[in-house]
């Protein structure tokens, strides 16, 4: 999975988007989704969330850390 190019991830995320969607969730810790999140959110006009991002946010919240970083926290 690590050999999946960011362009392929971007194409796949765009292909599953629908008018009624509020977000696109990409679930695989072995693909480099984080590098295309910002590139996808603006044209899709919705959240793009990857599993590593969601897991990290959950771990931070459990640790009592509630800071957020623009582009990586929704």
N, C-alpha and C. Protein backbone atom coordinates (compact mmCIF):
# COMPACT_ATOMS: atom_id res chain seq x y z
N UNK A 1 0.81 -1.21 0.00
CA UNK A 1 0.00 0.00 0.00
C UNK A 1 0.85 1.26 0.00
N UNK A 2 2.03 1.20 0.56
CA UNK A 2 2.86 2.38 0.63
C UNK A 2 3.26 2.86 -0.76
N UNK A 3 3.11 2.02 -1.76
CA UNK A 3 3.48 2.39 -3.12
C UNK A 3 2.35 3.09 -3.88
N UNK A 4 1.25 3.30 -3.23
CA UNK A 4 0.14 4.02 -3.86
C UNK A 4 0.52 5.49 -3.91
N UNK A 5 0.50 6.06 -5.10
CA UNK A 5 0.89 7.45 -5.27
C UNK A 5 -0.20 8.40 -4.76
N UNK A 6 0.20 9.55 -4.24
CA UNK A 6 -0.80 10.53 -3.77
C UNK A 6 -1.82 10.90 -4.84
N UNK A 7 -1.41 10.94 -6.10
CA UNK A 7 -2.34 11.26 -7.19
C UNK A 7 -3.44 10.20 -7.31
N UNK A 8 -3.10 8.95 -7.05
CA UNK A 8 -4.08 7.88 -7.09
C UNK A 8 -5.08 8.02 -5.95
N UNK A 9 -4.58 8.35 -4.77
CA UNK A 9 -5.45 8.57 -3.61
C UNK A 9 -6.41 9.71 -3.91
N UNK A 10 -5.88 10.78 -4.49
CA UNK A 10 -6.70 11.94 -4.82
C UNK A 10 -7.78 11.56 -5.83
N UNK A 11 -7.42 10.82 -6.86
CA UNK A 11 -8.38 10.40 -7.88
C UNK A 11 -9.47 9.52 -7.27
N UNK A 12 -9.08 8.57 -6.42
CA UNK A 12 -10.05 7.68 -5.78
C UNK A 12 -11.00 8.44 -4.85
N UNK A 13 -10.46 9.38 -4.09
CA UNK A 13 -11.30 10.17 -3.19
C UNK A 13 -12.31 10.99 -3.98
N UNK A 14 -11.88 11.56 -5.09
CA UNK A 14 -12.81 12.33 -5.94
C UNK A 14 -13.88 11.42 -6.55
N UNK A 15 -13.49 10.19 -6.88
CA UNK A 15 -14.42 9.29 -7.56
C UNK A 15 -15.54 8.80 -6.65
N UNK A 16 -15.33 8.77 -5.33
CA UNK A 16 -16.37 8.30 -4.42
C UNK A 16 -17.20 9.43 -3.83
N UNK A 17 -16.83 10.66 -4.12
CA UNK A 17 -17.57 11.80 -3.60
C UNK A 17 -18.97 11.85 -4.21
N UNK A 18 -19.95 12.27 -3.41
CA UNK A 18 -21.30 12.44 -3.93
C UNK A 18 -21.87 13.75 -3.41
N UNK A 19 -22.90 14.24 -4.04
CA UNK A 19 -23.48 15.53 -3.67
C UNK A 19 -23.96 15.58 -2.23
N UNK A 20 -24.45 14.49 -1.70
CA UNK A 20 -24.99 14.49 -0.35
C UNK A 20 -23.96 14.20 0.74
N UNK A 21 -22.71 13.97 0.35
CA UNK A 21 -21.68 13.62 1.33
C UNK A 21 -21.26 14.83 2.16
N UNK A 22 -20.97 14.58 3.43
CA UNK A 22 -20.44 15.61 4.31
C UNK A 22 -18.93 15.48 4.45
N UNK A 23 -18.40 14.30 4.12
CA UNK A 23 -16.97 14.06 4.26
C UNK A 23 -16.56 12.87 3.41
N UNK A 24 -15.27 12.78 3.18
CA UNK A 24 -14.68 11.60 2.56
C UNK A 24 -13.71 11.03 3.59
N UNK A 25 -13.88 9.77 3.92
CA UNK A 25 -13.02 9.11 4.90
C UNK A 25 -12.17 8.08 4.17
N UNK A 26 -10.85 8.18 4.32
CA UNK A 26 -9.94 7.23 3.70
C UNK A 26 -9.32 6.41 4.82
N UNK A 27 -9.61 5.12 4.82
CA UNK A 27 -9.20 4.26 5.92
C UNK A 27 -8.09 3.31 5.51
N UNK A 28 -6.87 3.71 5.75
CA UNK A 28 -5.73 2.83 5.59
C UNK A 28 -4.50 3.55 6.12
N UNK A 29 -3.88 2.98 7.10
CA UNK A 29 -2.72 3.62 7.71
C UNK A 29 -1.46 3.53 6.88
N UNK A 30 -1.49 2.74 5.81
CA UNK A 30 -0.28 2.55 5.02
C UNK A 30 -0.21 3.44 3.78
N UNK A 31 -1.25 4.23 3.53
CA UNK A 31 -1.20 5.13 2.37
C UNK A 31 -1.00 6.56 2.85
N UNK A 32 -0.39 7.36 2.02
CA UNK A 32 -0.02 8.73 2.38
C UNK A 32 -1.15 9.72 2.06
N UNK A 33 -2.24 9.59 2.77
CA UNK A 33 -3.40 10.43 2.53
C UNK A 33 -3.17 11.86 3.00
N UNK A 34 -2.47 12.03 4.10
CA UNK A 34 -2.30 13.34 4.71
C UNK A 34 -1.72 14.36 3.72
N UNK A 35 -0.95 13.90 2.73
CA UNK A 35 -0.34 14.83 1.78
C UNK A 35 -1.34 15.39 0.78
N UNK A 36 -2.52 14.79 0.66
CA UNK A 36 -3.52 15.30 -0.29
C UNK A 36 -4.78 15.84 0.38
N UNK A 37 -4.85 15.78 1.70
CA UNK A 37 -6.05 16.25 2.40
C UNK A 37 -6.39 17.69 2.03
N UNK A 38 -5.44 18.60 2.16
CA UNK A 38 -5.70 20.00 1.85
C UNK A 38 -6.06 20.21 0.39
N UNK A 39 -5.44 19.46 -0.51
CA UNK A 39 -5.71 19.58 -1.94
C UNK A 39 -7.12 19.12 -2.29
N UNK A 40 -7.69 18.25 -1.49
CA UNK A 40 -9.02 17.71 -1.77
C UNK A 40 -10.15 18.50 -1.12
N UNK A 41 -9.93 19.03 0.06
CA UNK A 41 -11.03 19.65 0.81
C UNK A 41 -11.63 20.85 0.09
N UNK A 42 -10.82 21.68 -0.50
CA UNK A 42 -11.35 22.88 -1.16
C UNK A 42 -12.20 22.54 -2.39
N UNK A 43 -11.69 21.76 -3.35
CA UNK A 43 -12.54 21.46 -4.51
C UNK A 43 -13.75 20.59 -4.18
N UNK A 44 -13.62 19.70 -3.21
CA UNK A 44 -14.76 18.85 -2.83
C UNK A 44 -15.74 19.60 -1.94
N UNK A 45 -15.27 20.66 -1.29
CA UNK A 45 -16.07 21.47 -0.38
C UNK A 45 -16.64 20.62 0.78
N UNK A 46 -15.79 19.74 1.29
CA UNK A 46 -16.16 18.91 2.43
C UNK A 46 -14.90 18.40 3.12
N UNK A 47 -15.08 17.82 4.28
CA UNK A 47 -13.95 17.30 5.04
C UNK A 47 -13.37 16.06 4.37
N UNK A 48 -12.06 15.94 4.44
CA UNK A 48 -11.38 14.72 4.03
C UNK A 48 -10.62 14.26 5.27
N UNK A 49 -10.94 13.09 5.74
CA UNK A 49 -10.36 12.57 6.98
C UNK A 49 -9.70 11.24 6.69
N UNK A 50 -8.48 11.08 7.20
CA UNK A 50 -7.80 9.79 7.06
C UNK A 50 -7.76 9.10 8.42
N UNK A 51 -7.58 7.81 8.39
CA UNK A 51 -7.65 7.03 9.61
C UNK A 51 -6.55 7.41 10.61
N UNK A 52 -5.36 7.72 10.13
CA UNK A 52 -4.26 8.11 11.03
C UNK A 52 -4.61 9.43 11.72
N UNK A 53 -5.17 10.34 10.98
CA UNK A 53 -5.59 11.65 11.51
C UNK A 53 -6.64 11.45 12.61
N UNK A 54 -7.62 10.60 12.35
CA UNK A 54 -8.68 10.36 13.33
C UNK A 54 -8.13 9.66 14.57
N UNK A 55 -7.24 8.69 14.37
CA UNK A 55 -6.65 7.98 15.49
C UNK A 55 -5.80 8.92 16.35
N UNK A 56 -5.01 9.77 15.71
CA UNK A 56 -4.16 10.71 16.45
C UNK A 56 -5.01 11.70 17.25
N UNK A 57 -6.08 12.18 16.64
CA UNK A 57 -6.96 13.12 17.36
C UNK A 57 -7.58 12.43 18.58
N UNK A 58 -8.02 11.20 18.41
CA UNK A 58 -8.59 10.46 19.53
C UNK A 58 -7.59 10.24 20.65
N UNK A 59 -6.35 9.91 20.29
CA UNK A 59 -5.31 9.69 21.30
C UNK A 59 -4.99 10.99 22.04
N UNK A 60 -4.91 12.09 21.30
CA UNK A 60 -4.64 13.38 21.95
C UNK A 60 -5.76 13.75 22.91
N UNK A 61 -7.00 13.54 22.51
CA UNK A 61 -8.14 13.87 23.38
C UNK A 61 -8.11 13.02 24.65
N UNK A 62 -7.79 11.73 24.51
CA UNK A 62 -7.71 10.86 25.68
C UNK A 62 -6.58 11.28 26.62
N UNK A 63 -5.54 11.89 26.05
CA UNK A 63 -4.41 12.37 26.86
C UNK A 63 -4.69 13.74 27.45
N UNK A 64 -5.86 14.30 27.15
CA UNK A 64 -6.23 15.61 27.68
C UNK A 64 -5.67 16.78 26.90
N UNK A 65 -5.18 16.53 25.69
CA UNK A 65 -4.64 17.59 24.84
C UNK A 65 -5.72 18.00 23.86
N UNK A 66 -6.17 19.23 23.95
CA UNK A 66 -7.28 19.69 23.11
C UNK A 66 -6.86 20.76 22.13
N UNK A 67 -5.57 20.90 21.89
CA UNK A 67 -5.08 21.86 20.89
C UNK A 67 -5.48 21.38 19.50
N UNK A 68 -5.54 22.30 18.57
CA UNK A 68 -5.79 21.91 17.18
C UNK A 68 -4.80 22.62 16.29
N UNK A 69 -4.54 22.03 15.13
CA UNK A 69 -3.61 22.60 14.16
C UNK A 69 -4.39 22.73 12.86
N UNK A 70 -4.35 23.92 12.31
CA UNK A 70 -5.05 24.19 11.07
C UNK A 70 -4.64 23.19 9.98
N UNK A 71 -5.62 22.64 9.29
CA UNK A 71 -5.36 21.70 8.22
C UNK A 71 -5.29 20.26 8.67
N UNK A 72 -5.23 20.01 9.99
CA UNK A 72 -5.11 18.64 10.45
C UNK A 72 -6.14 18.29 11.51
N UNK A 73 -7.02 19.18 11.83
CA UNK A 73 -7.96 18.92 12.91
C UNK A 73 -9.31 19.50 12.54
N UNK A 74 -10.34 18.66 12.61
CA UNK A 74 -11.70 19.14 12.28
C UNK A 74 -12.61 18.92 13.43
